[in-house]
Structures are given as structure tokens and as C-alpha cells.
């Protein structure tokens, strides 16, 4: 699942550190290619929806136009953030290893110069 510009390895084993059988929230930090990257990512987002539906994934938030309130520089390195919740880490793994998903992943790869994906579990405060 590495992109043509981002050859960092995908580490699905990292999901094993999360509590099993509980929801996992994936935080996507996205840096679009200048020439058509945003449009290509929007194509990916349309085509990925049936795969999300199949495994019970839900987009919880999508945002753009970041500005640092606390942080280095005026703007962070990323252009957009996407937060997606899955019923479990296994649901995410099932989606991304499906051959049908692999076919549309090329749109995501072609859209980004960098795409960090951070897996998190719920944190109950207080």
C-alpha cells in the first residue's frame, strides 16, 4: 500500500498493539500532489465508500485549510485530515487487503506526495 512517491512500508502488525475487538480510529494526514492530487483523492474517496460500508467503516471528520494555533510554522505539512472509524482493527485489515480495494488504491497513491496513517483506540478521559 505504499504510494509511488511514498515508499515507506505499511505496517499492519502495528494494529496488534491496539485492544482487540474494539473500534479503531484511523487518522489520515494527507499532502496532495500539486497537479490534480486533490481531485484524484476525491475520486478515491468516492470509490472507497462501498468498501467502507462493507466493513462497517464510517468517516467521522474531513477537514482542510489547516493553520497552526500551537506548533511550528504557520501551517502544518499536511493539506487535509480525514478521520475514519472502523468497528475493529480486523475490519480495517479486511478492507485494505481485499483485491477490490487494492484496485482503487492506485487513486490514493496517485493523489499524494505523503499520506501518514495513524491508528488509535478510544481514550476515556476522566
N, C-alpha and C. Protein backbone atom coordinates (compact mmCIF):
# COMPACT_ATOMS: atom_id res chain seq x y z
N UNK A 1 0.80 -1.20 0.00
CA UNK A 1 0.00 0.00 0.00
C UNK A 1 0.84 1.26 0.00
N UNK A 2 2.11 1.18 -0.21
CA UNK A 2 2.92 2.38 -0.32
C UNK A 2 2.55 3.12 -1.60
N UNK A 3 2.73 4.41 -1.62
CA UNK A 3 2.41 5.19 -2.81
C UNK A 3 3.61 5.23 -3.73
N UNK A 4 3.38 5.68 -4.96
CA UNK A 4 4.50 5.79 -5.89
C UNK A 4 5.52 6.81 -5.44
N UNK A 5 5.12 7.81 -4.64
CA UNK A 5 6.05 8.81 -4.13
C UNK A 5 6.48 8.52 -2.70
N UNK A 6 5.71 7.76 -1.99
CA UNK A 6 5.96 7.47 -0.58
C UNK A 6 6.18 5.97 -0.46
N UNK A 7 7.43 5.58 -0.38
CA UNK A 7 7.76 4.15 -0.37
C UNK A 7 7.94 3.59 1.04
N UNK A 8 7.45 4.31 2.05
CA UNK A 8 7.54 3.78 3.41
C UNK A 8 6.70 2.51 3.49
N UNK A 9 7.17 1.50 4.22
CA UNK A 9 6.41 0.25 4.31
C UNK A 9 5.13 0.42 5.11
N UNK A 10 4.14 -0.39 4.77
CA UNK A 10 2.89 -0.44 5.52
C UNK A 10 3.08 -1.47 6.63
N UNK A 11 2.71 -1.11 7.84
CA UNK A 11 2.93 -1.98 8.99
C UNK A 11 1.60 -2.36 9.63
N UNK A 12 0.89 -3.31 9.04
CA UNK A 12 -0.38 -3.75 9.60
C UNK A 12 -0.20 -4.44 10.95
N UNK A 13 1.00 -4.93 11.23
CA UNK A 13 1.27 -5.57 12.52
C UNK A 13 1.13 -4.58 13.67
N UNK A 14 1.32 -3.30 13.39
CA UNK A 14 1.17 -2.27 14.43
C UNK A 14 -0.24 -2.26 15.01
N UNK A 15 -1.21 -2.72 14.23
CA UNK A 15 -2.59 -2.77 14.73
C UNK A 15 -2.73 -3.74 15.89
N UNK A 16 -1.80 -4.68 16.00
CA UNK A 16 -1.83 -5.65 17.10
C UNK A 16 -1.61 -5.03 18.46
N UNK A 17 -1.11 -3.80 18.50
CA UNK A 17 -0.90 -3.13 19.79
C UNK A 17 -2.19 -2.51 20.32
N UNK A 18 -3.22 -2.45 19.48
CA UNK A 18 -4.49 -1.87 19.91
C UNK A 18 -5.36 -2.93 20.57
N UNK A 19 -6.27 -2.53 21.45
CA UNK A 19 -7.16 -3.51 22.07
C UNK A 19 -7.98 -4.24 21.00
N UNK A 20 -8.03 -5.56 21.07
CA UNK A 20 -8.76 -6.32 20.05
C UNK A 20 -10.27 -6.23 20.27
N UNK A 21 -10.99 -6.29 19.16
CA UNK A 21 -12.44 -6.29 19.22
C UNK A 21 -13.07 -4.97 19.60
N UNK A 22 -12.28 -3.90 19.60
CA UNK A 22 -12.81 -2.58 19.92
C UNK A 22 -12.62 -1.67 18.71
N UNK A 23 -13.39 -0.60 18.63
CA UNK A 23 -13.24 0.29 17.48
C UNK A 23 -11.83 0.86 17.36
N UNK A 24 -11.42 1.08 16.12
CA UNK A 24 -10.14 1.72 15.84
C UNK A 24 -10.44 2.95 14.99
N UNK A 25 -9.78 4.04 15.30
CA UNK A 25 -9.95 5.28 14.54
C UNK A 25 -8.65 5.56 13.82
N UNK A 26 -8.74 5.68 12.49
CA UNK A 26 -7.59 5.94 11.66
C UNK A 26 -7.55 7.43 11.32
N UNK A 27 -6.44 8.06 11.65
CA UNK A 27 -6.23 9.48 11.36
C UNK A 27 -5.33 9.56 10.14
N UNK A 28 -5.85 10.11 9.06
CA UNK A 28 -5.12 10.28 7.80
C UNK A 28 -4.66 11.72 7.68
N UNK A 29 -3.35 11.93 7.57
CA UNK A 29 -2.79 13.26 7.31
C UNK A 29 -2.31 13.25 5.87
N UNK A 30 -2.89 14.09 5.04
CA UNK A 30 -2.75 13.99 3.59
C UNK A 30 -2.07 15.21 2.99
N UNK A 31 -1.02 14.98 2.21
CA UNK A 31 -0.34 16.03 1.44
C UNK A 31 -0.57 15.72 -0.03
N UNK A 32 -1.35 16.56 -0.72
CA UNK A 32 -1.72 16.32 -2.11
C UNK A 32 -0.62 16.74 -3.07
N UNK A 33 -0.52 16.01 -4.17
CA UNK A 33 0.35 16.44 -5.26
C UNK A 33 -0.24 17.72 -5.83
N UNK A 34 0.63 18.61 -6.30
CA UNK A 34 0.16 19.91 -6.78
C UNK A 34 -0.73 19.79 -8.02
N UNK A 35 -0.37 18.94 -8.94
CA UNK A 35 -1.12 18.82 -10.20
C UNK A 35 -2.18 17.73 -10.08
N UNK A 36 -3.39 18.12 -9.69
CA UNK A 36 -4.52 17.20 -9.70
C UNK A 36 -4.63 16.25 -8.52
N UNK A 37 -3.80 16.41 -7.50
CA UNK A 37 -3.82 15.49 -6.37
C UNK A 37 -5.13 15.50 -5.60
N UNK A 38 -5.64 16.68 -5.34
CA UNK A 38 -6.91 16.77 -4.59
C UNK A 38 -8.04 16.10 -5.35
N UNK A 39 -8.13 16.34 -6.66
CA UNK A 39 -9.18 15.73 -7.47
C UNK A 39 -9.04 14.21 -7.51
N UNK A 40 -7.83 13.73 -7.60
CA UNK A 40 -7.61 12.28 -7.63
C UNK A 40 -7.98 11.66 -6.29
N UNK A 41 -7.71 12.37 -5.19
CA UNK A 41 -8.10 11.84 -3.89
C UNK A 41 -9.62 11.82 -3.75
N UNK A 42 -10.29 12.82 -4.28
CA UNK A 42 -11.75 12.82 -4.24
C UNK A 42 -12.32 11.65 -5.03
N UNK A 43 -11.68 11.30 -6.14
CA UNK A 43 -12.09 10.11 -6.89
C UNK A 43 -11.93 8.86 -6.02
N UNK A 44 -10.79 8.75 -5.35
CA UNK A 44 -10.55 7.63 -4.44
C UNK A 44 -11.63 7.59 -3.35
N UNK A 45 -11.95 8.75 -2.78
CA UNK A 45 -12.92 8.77 -1.68
C UNK A 45 -14.31 8.31 -2.15
N UNK A 46 -14.68 8.61 -3.37
CA UNK A 46 -15.96 8.13 -3.90
C UNK A 46 -15.93 6.62 -4.09
N UNK A 47 -14.83 6.11 -4.62
CA UNK A 47 -14.74 4.68 -4.93
C UNK A 47 -14.49 3.82 -3.70
N UNK A 48 -13.95 4.39 -2.63
CA UNK A 48 -13.68 3.60 -1.43
C UNK A 48 -14.95 3.41 -0.59
N UNK A 49 -15.96 4.24 -0.79
CA UNK A 49 -17.14 4.19 0.08
C UNK A 49 -17.79 2.81 0.16
N UNK A 50 -17.98 2.09 -0.94
CA UNK A 50 -18.58 0.75 -0.80
C UNK A 50 -17.72 -0.20 0.04
N UNK A 51 -16.42 -0.02 -0.01
CA UNK A 51 -15.52 -0.86 0.80
C UNK A 51 -15.64 -0.51 2.28
N UNK A 52 -15.77 0.78 2.58
CA UNK A 52 -16.02 1.20 3.96
C UNK A 52 -17.34 0.63 4.46
N UNK A 53 -18.37 0.73 3.63
CA UNK A 53 -19.68 0.21 4.01
C UNK A 53 -19.62 -1.29 4.31
N UNK A 54 -18.89 -2.02 3.50
CA UNK A 54 -18.80 -3.48 3.63
C UNK A 54 -18.22 -3.89 4.98
N UNK A 55 -17.24 -3.13 5.48
CA UNK A 55 -16.61 -3.50 6.76
C UNK A 55 -17.13 -2.70 7.95
N UNK A 56 -18.09 -1.80 7.71
CA UNK A 56 -18.66 -1.00 8.80
C UNK A 56 -17.87 0.24 9.15
N UNK A 57 -17.02 0.70 8.22
CA UNK A 57 -16.24 1.92 8.45
C UNK A 57 -17.07 3.17 8.24
N UNK A 58 -16.76 4.22 9.01
CA UNK A 58 -17.51 5.47 8.93
C UNK A 58 -16.54 6.65 8.95
N UNK A 59 -16.69 7.56 7.99
CA UNK A 59 -15.91 8.80 8.01
C UNK A 59 -16.50 9.67 9.11
N UNK A 60 -15.67 10.01 10.09
CA UNK A 60 -16.10 10.84 11.22
C UNK A 60 -15.81 12.31 11.01
N UNK A 61 -14.77 12.61 10.25
CA UNK A 61 -14.41 14.01 10.02
C UNK A 61 -13.50 14.12 8.82
N UNK A 62 -13.69 15.16 8.04
CA UNK A 62 -12.78 15.53 6.96
C UNK A 62 -12.58 17.03 7.03
N UNK A 63 -11.32 17.47 7.04
CA UNK A 63 -11.06 18.89 7.17
C UNK A 63 -9.87 19.32 6.33
N UNK A 64 -9.86 20.59 5.96
CA UNK A 64 -8.80 21.15 5.14
C UNK A 64 -8.50 22.56 5.61
N UNK A 65 -7.59 23.23 4.95
CA UNK A 65 -7.15 24.58 5.30
C UNK A 65 -6.58 24.67 6.71
N UNK A 66 -5.60 23.79 7.03
CA UNK A 66 -5.06 23.80 8.39
C UNK A 66 -4.24 25.05 8.69
N UNK A 67 -4.31 25.49 9.92
CA UNK A 67 -3.50 26.61 10.42
C UNK A 67 -3.06 26.26 11.83
N UNK A 68 -1.78 26.37 12.10
CA UNK A 68 -1.26 26.07 13.44
C UNK A 68 -1.66 27.14 14.44
N UNK A 69 -2.26 26.72 15.52
CA UNK A 69 -2.51 27.59 16.66
C UNK A 69 -1.36 27.41 17.65
N UNK A 70 -0.96 26.16 17.85
CA UNK A 70 0.24 25.82 18.59
C UNK A 70 1.02 24.86 17.70
N UNK A 71 2.25 25.19 17.39
CA UNK A 71 3.05 24.33 16.53
C UNK A 71 4.10 25.14 15.80
N UNK A 72 4.92 24.44 15.06
CA UNK A 72 5.99 25.09 14.31
C UNK A 72 5.47 25.62 12.98
N UNK A 73 5.76 26.84 12.67
CA UNK A 73 5.33 27.45 11.41
C UNK A 73 3.87 27.84 11.42
N UNK A 74 3.46 28.48 10.34
CA UNK A 74 2.08 28.94 10.24
C UNK A 74 1.12 27.82 9.87
N UNK A 75 1.58 26.90 9.04
CA UNK A 75 0.73 25.79 8.61
C UNK A 75 1.48 24.47 8.78
N UNK A 76 0.76 23.39 9.09
CA UNK A 76 1.42 22.08 9.17
C UNK A 76 1.78 21.57 7.78
N UNK A 77 2.51 20.46 7.71
CA UNK A 77 2.95 19.92 6.43
C UNK A 77 1.80 19.35 5.61
N UNK A 78 0.71 18.99 6.25
CA UNK A 78 -0.39 18.31 5.55
C UNK A 78 -1.44 19.30 5.05
N UNK A 79 -2.17 18.89 3.99
CA UNK A 79 -3.21 19.72 3.37
C UNK A 79 -4.60 19.41 3.92
N UNK A 80 -4.81 18.17 4.31
CA UNK A 80 -6.14 17.74 4.76
C UNK A 80 -5.99 16.63 5.79
N UNK A 81 -7.03 16.50 6.63
CA UNK A 81 -7.10 15.43 7.62
C UNK A 81 -8.41 14.68 7.40
N UNK A 82 -8.33 13.39 7.54
CA UNK A 82 -9.51 12.54 7.39
C UNK A 82 -9.49 11.55 8.54
N UNK A 83 -10.60 11.48 9.28
CA UNK A 83 -10.70 10.59 10.43
C UNK A 83 -11.79 9.56 10.12
N UNK A 84 -11.39 8.28 10.14
CA UNK A 84 -12.30 7.19 9.79
C UNK A 84 -12.31 6.18 10.93
N UNK A 85 -13.52 5.81 11.37
CA UNK A 85 -13.67 4.81 12.43
C UNK A 85 -14.09 3.48 11.84
N UNK A 86 -13.45 2.42 12.33
CA UNK A 86 -13.75 1.05 11.94
C UNK A 86 -14.19 0.29 13.19
N UNK A 87 -15.06 -0.72 13.05
CA UNK A 87 -15.51 -1.45 14.23
C UNK A 87 -14.37 -2.17 14.96
N UNK A 88 -13.29 -2.48 14.24
CA UNK A 88 -12.14 -3.16 14.83
C UNK A 88 -10.94 -3.00 13.89
N UNK A 89 -9.76 -3.30 14.41
CA UNK A 89 -8.59 -3.27 13.54
C UNK A 89 -8.70 -4.36 12.47
N UNK A 90 -9.36 -5.47 12.79
CA UNK A 90 -9.54 -6.53 11.80
C UNK A 90 -10.40 -6.05 10.63
N UNK A 91 -11.41 -5.23 10.91
CA UNK A 91 -12.25 -4.69 9.84
C UNK A 91 -11.41 -3.84 8.89
N UNK A 92 -10.52 -3.01 9.44
CA UNK A 92 -9.63 -2.21 8.59
C UNK A 92 -8.74 -3.12 7.76
N UNK A 93 -8.12 -4.12 8.39
CA UNK A 93 -7.24 -5.04 7.68
C UNK A 93 -8.00 -5.78 6.57
N UNK A 94 -9.21 -6.21 6.87
CA UNK A 94 -10.02 -6.91 5.86
C UNK A 94 -10.26 -6.01 4.65
N UNK A 95 -10.50 -4.73 4.89
CA UNK A 95 -10.76 -3.82 3.78
C UNK A 95 -9.51 -3.63 2.93
N UNK A 96 -8.39 -3.28 3.56
CA UNK A 96 -7.21 -2.90 2.77
C UNK A 96 -6.53 -4.09 2.10
N UNK A 97 -6.82 -5.30 2.54
CA UNK A 97 -6.22 -6.48 1.89
C UNK A 97 -7.15 -7.09 0.85
N UNK A 98 -8.35 -6.55 0.70
CA UNK A 98 -9.30 -7.04 -0.29
C UNK A 98 -8.84 -6.67 -1.70
N UNK A 99 -8.86 -7.61 -2.64
CA UNK A 99 -8.42 -7.30 -4.02
C UNK A 99 -9.19 -6.15 -4.67
N UNK A 100 -10.48 -6.01 -4.36
CA UNK A 100 -11.26 -4.90 -4.91
C UNK A 100 -10.77 -3.56 -4.42
N UNK A 101 -10.42 -3.49 -3.14
CA UNK A 101 -9.86 -2.26 -2.59
C UNK A 101 -8.50 -1.98 -3.21
N UNK A 102 -7.68 -2.99 -3.36
CA UNK A 102 -6.35 -2.81 -3.92
C UNK A 102 -6.40 -2.15 -5.31
N UNK A 103 -7.44 -2.45 -6.07
CA UNK A 103 -7.59 -1.86 -7.41
C UNK A 103 -7.81 -0.35 -7.35
N UNK A 104 -8.56 0.12 -6.36
CA UNK A 104 -8.83 1.56 -6.31
C UNK A 104 -7.78 2.32 -5.52
N UNK A 105 -6.94 1.60 -4.79
CA UNK A 105 -5.89 2.26 -4.00
C UNK A 105 -4.95 3.07 -4.88
N UNK A 106 -4.86 2.72 -6.16
CA UNK A 106 -3.98 3.46 -7.08
C UNK A 106 -4.36 4.94 -7.13
N UNK A 107 -5.64 5.27 -6.96
CA UNK A 107 -6.06 6.68 -6.97
C UNK A 107 -5.50 7.43 -5.76
N UNK A 108 -5.50 6.77 -4.60
CA UNK A 108 -4.92 7.38 -3.40
C UNK A 108 -3.42 7.59 -3.60
N UNK A 109 -2.77 6.56 -4.11
CA UNK A 109 -1.32 6.64 -4.34
C UNK A 109 -0.98 7.77 -5.31
N UNK A 110 -1.77 7.90 -6.36
CA UNK A 110 -1.51 8.93 -7.38
C UNK A 110 -1.83 10.34 -6.87
N UNK A 111 -2.61 10.44 -5.81
CA UNK A 111 -3.05 11.74 -5.31
C UNK A 111 -2.07 12.39 -4.35
N UNK A 112 -1.24 11.59 -3.69
CA UNK A 112 -0.49 12.09 -2.54
C UNK A 112 1.02 12.09 -2.75
N UNK A 113 1.65 13.12 -2.19
CA UNK A 113 3.10 13.07 -2.06
C UNK A 113 3.47 12.47 -0.71
N UNK A 114 2.54 12.56 0.25
CA UNK A 114 2.73 11.94 1.56
C UNK A 114 1.37 11.70 2.17
N UNK A 115 1.21 10.57 2.81
CA UNK A 115 -0.04 10.26 3.49
C UNK A 115 0.24 9.45 4.75
N UNK A 116 0.31 10.11 5.88
CA UNK A 116 0.52 9.41 7.15
C UNK A 116 -0.82 8.84 7.62
N UNK A 117 -0.77 7.63 8.13
CA UNK A 117 -1.97 6.95 8.62
C UNK A 117 -1.67 6.47 10.04
N UNK A 118 -2.40 7.01 11.01
CA UNK A 118 -2.16 6.73 12.42
C UNK A 118 -3.37 6.01 12.99
N UNK A 119 -3.14 4.81 13.54
CA UNK A 119 -4.21 4.03 14.16
C UNK A 119 -4.30 4.40 15.63
N UNK A 120 -5.52 4.63 16.10
CA UNK A 120 -5.72 4.97 17.50
C UNK A 120 -6.91 4.18 18.06
N UNK A 121 -6.91 4.04 19.39
CA UNK A 121 -8.07 3.46 20.07
C UNK A 121 -8.65 4.54 20.97
N UNK A 122 -9.87 4.30 21.43
CA UNK A 122 -10.54 5.30 22.26
C UNK A 122 -9.81 5.50 23.57
N UNK A 123 -9.80 6.75 23.98
CA UNK A 123 -9.19 7.15 25.24
C UNK A 123 -10.28 7.78 26.07
N UNK A 124 -10.63 7.15 27.18
CA UNK A 124 -11.68 7.68 28.05
C UNK A 124 -11.02 8.63 29.03
N UNK A 125 -11.41 9.88 28.94
CA UNK A 125 -10.86 10.92 29.82
C UNK A 125 -11.66 11.00 31.10
N UNK A 126 -10.98 11.22 32.18
CA UNK A 126 -11.65 11.46 33.44
C UNK A 126 -11.93 10.22 34.16
